[in-house]
Amino acid sequence: MEIIESAPTATVIQLDFMKPFTAHNIARFTAQPAGETTRITWSMEGPLPFPSKLVGVFFNMDQMIGKEFQTGLANLKAASEK
């Protein structure tokens, strides 16, 4: 994991996975003012190798990974409110 861009409104991270298979992705945390709070959006993009495509045929990846994103955002919110 390497932070490749950091600004008040966005942080971009290069993610390199080795297991369960090699993958190279970009994660973005984007901050947008929302009244007295800030809305954080977390996204991830990158190439989709064949094993991932095959898994996607049988499983809903948004449901599988979405829970991890929600947990991560909840943890970020709790840490920022301390």
C-alpha atoms as a PDB file:
ATOM      1  CA  MET A   1       0.000   0.000   0.000  1.00  0.00           C
ATOM      2  CA  GLU A   2       1.432   3.383  -1.009  1.00  0.00           C
ATOM      3  CA  ILE A   3      -0.145   6.829  -0.782  1.00  0.00           C
ATOM      4  CA  ILE A   4       0.384   8.329  -4.235  1.00  0.00           C
ATOM      5  CA  GLU A   5      -1.651  11.514  -3.808  1.00  0.00           C
ATOM      6  CA  SER A   6      -2.778  13.458  -0.773  1.00  0.00           C
ATOM      7  CA  ALA A   7      -4.835  16.639  -0.792  1.00  0.00           C
ATOM      8  CA  PRO A   8      -7.510  18.148   1.496  1.00  0.00           C
ATOM      9  CA  THR A   9     -10.258  16.762  -0.774  1.00  0.00           C
ATOM     10  CA  ALA A  10      -8.772  13.413  -1.843  1.00  0.00           C
ATOM     11  CA  THR A  11      -6.298  10.695  -0.931  1.00  0.00           C
ATOM     12  CA  VAL A  12      -5.233   8.168  -3.562  1.00  0.00           C
ATOM     13  CA  ILE A  13      -3.584   4.871  -2.612  1.00  0.00           C
ATOM     14  CA  GLN A  14      -1.867   2.285  -4.793  1.00  0.00           C
ATOM     15  CA  LEU A  15      -2.831  -1.184  -3.520  1.00  0.00           C
ATOM     16  CA  ASP A  16      -0.749  -4.174  -4.574  1.00  0.00           C
ATOM     17  CA  PHE A  17      -2.148  -7.544  -3.509  1.00  0.00           C
ATOM     18  CA  MET A  18      -0.135 -10.759  -3.644  1.00  0.00           C
ATOM     19  CA  LYS A  19      -2.692 -13.195  -2.175  1.00  0.00           C
ATOM     20  CA  PRO A  20      -5.030 -14.862  -2.909  1.00  0.00           C
ATOM     21  CA  PHE A  21      -3.904 -13.679  -6.367  1.00  0.00           C
ATOM     22  CA  THR A  22      -1.871 -10.788  -7.707  1.00  0.00           C
ATOM     23  CA  ALA A  23      -3.828  -7.560  -8.228  1.00  0.00           C
ATOM     24  CA  HIS A  24      -2.878  -3.909  -8.619  1.00  0.00           C
ATOM     25  CA  ASN A  25      -5.598  -1.406  -7.765  1.00  0.00           C
ATOM     26  CA  ILE A  26      -6.133   2.255  -6.969  1.00  0.00           C
ATOM     27  CA  ALA A  27      -8.236   3.248  -3.922  1.00  0.00           C
ATOM     28  CA  ARG A  28      -9.595   6.786  -3.584  1.00  0.00           C
ATOM     29  CA  PHE A  29     -10.966   8.546  -0.545  1.00  0.00           C
ATOM     30  CA  THR A  30     -12.791  11.692  -1.678  1.00  0.00           C
ATOM     31  CA  ALA A  31     -14.014  14.306   0.819  1.00  0.00           C
ATOM     32  CA  GLN A  32     -17.006  16.562   0.050  1.00  0.00           C
ATOM     33  CA  PRO A  33     -18.469  19.157   2.405  1.00  0.00           C
ATOM     34  CA  ALA A  34     -21.992  18.240   3.548  1.00  0.00           C
ATOM     35  CA  GLY A  35     -23.285  21.012   5.757  1.00  0.00           C
ATOM     36  CA  GLU A  36     -21.469  20.843   9.081  1.00  0.00           C
ATOM     37  CA  THR A  37     -20.012  17.420   8.256  1.00  0.00           C
ATOM     38  CA  THR A  38     -17.903  15.904   5.511  1.00  0.00           C
ATOM     39  CA  ARG A  39     -19.013  13.077   3.238  1.00  0.00           C
ATOM     40  CA  ILE A  40     -16.245  10.542   2.476  1.00  0.00           C
ATOM     41  CA  THR A  41     -16.533   8.358  -0.612  1.00  0.00           C
ATOM     42  CA  TRP A  42     -14.287   5.283  -0.881  1.00  0.00           C
ATOM     43  CA  SER A  43     -13.805   3.686  -4.287  1.00  0.00           C
ATOM     44  CA  MET A  44     -11.443   1.134  -5.787  1.00  0.00           C
ATOM     45  CA  GLU A  45     -10.560   0.501  -9.414  1.00  0.00           C
ATOM     46  CA  GLY A  46      -8.149  -1.654 -11.334  1.00  0.00           C
ATOM     47  CA  PRO A  47      -7.837  -4.433 -13.875  1.00  0.00           C
ATOM     48  CA  LEU A  48     -10.034  -7.478 -13.388  1.00  0.00           C
ATOM     49  CA  PRO A  49      -8.007 -10.665 -13.917  1.00  0.00           C
ATOM     50  CA  PHE A  50      -9.678 -13.852 -15.098  1.00  0.00           C
ATOM     51  CA  PRO A  51      -9.980 -15.474 -11.613  1.00  0.00           C
ATOM     52  CA  SER A  52     -11.890 -12.411 -10.377  1.00  0.00           C
ATOM     53  CA  LYS A  53     -14.160 -12.468 -13.413  1.00  0.00           C
ATOM     54  CA  LEU A  54     -14.888 -16.148 -12.807  1.00  0.00           C
ATOM     55  CA  VAL A  55     -15.744 -15.545  -9.128  1.00  0.00           C
ATOM     56  CA  GLY A  56     -17.979 -12.652 -10.221  1.00  0.00           C
ATOM     57  CA  VAL A  57     -20.103 -15.056 -12.263  1.00  0.00           C
ATOM     58  CA  PHE A  58     -21.043 -17.017  -9.144  1.00  0.00           C
ATOM     59  CA  PHE A  59     -20.936 -14.374  -6.392  1.00  0.00           C
ATOM     60  CA  ASN A  60     -22.126 -10.785  -6.089  1.00  0.00           C
ATOM     61  CA  MET A  61     -18.828  -8.988  -5.495  1.00  0.00           C
ATOM     62  CA  ASP A  62     -20.541  -5.750  -4.403  1.00  0.00           C
ATOM     63  CA  GLN A  63     -22.252  -7.630  -1.588  1.00  0.00           C
ATOM     64  CA  MET A  64     -19.073  -9.485  -0.617  1.00  0.00           C
ATOM     65  CA  ILE A  65     -16.717  -6.488  -0.634  1.00  0.00           C
ATOM     66  CA  GLY A  66     -19.292  -3.799   0.136  1.00  0.00           C
ATOM     67  CA  LYS A  67     -19.449  -4.902   3.761  1.00  0.00           C
ATOM     68  CA  GLU A  68     -15.694  -4.331   4.081  1.00  0.00           C
ATOM     69  CA  PHE A  69     -16.047  -0.822   2.639  1.00  0.00           C
ATOM     70  CA  GLN A  70     -18.913  -0.027   5.043  1.00  0.00           C
ATOM     71  CA  THR A  71     -16.912  -1.290   8.034  1.00  0.00           C
ATOM     72  CA  GLY A  72     -13.856   0.706   6.955  1.00  0.00           C
ATOM     73  CA  LEU A  73     -15.883   3.892   6.536  1.00  0.00           C
ATOM     74  CA  ALA A  74     -17.553   3.391   9.925  1.00  0.00           C
ATOM     75  CA  ASN A  75     -14.112   2.951  11.535  1.00  0.00           C
ATOM     76  CA  LEU A  76     -12.859   6.101   9.793  1.00  0.00           C
ATOM     77  CA  LYS A  77     -15.899   8.037  11.033  1.00  0.00           C
ATOM     78  CA  ALA A  78     -15.401   6.847  14.627  1.00  0.00           C
ATOM     79  CA  ALA A  79     -11.694   7.746  14.566  1.00  0.00           C
ATOM     80  CA  SER A  80     -12.339  11.199  13.099  1.00  0.00           C
ATOM     81  CA  GLU A  81     -14.979  12.041  15.719  1.00  0.00           C
ATOM     82  CA  LYS A  82     -12.665  11.388  18.689  1.00  0.00           C
END
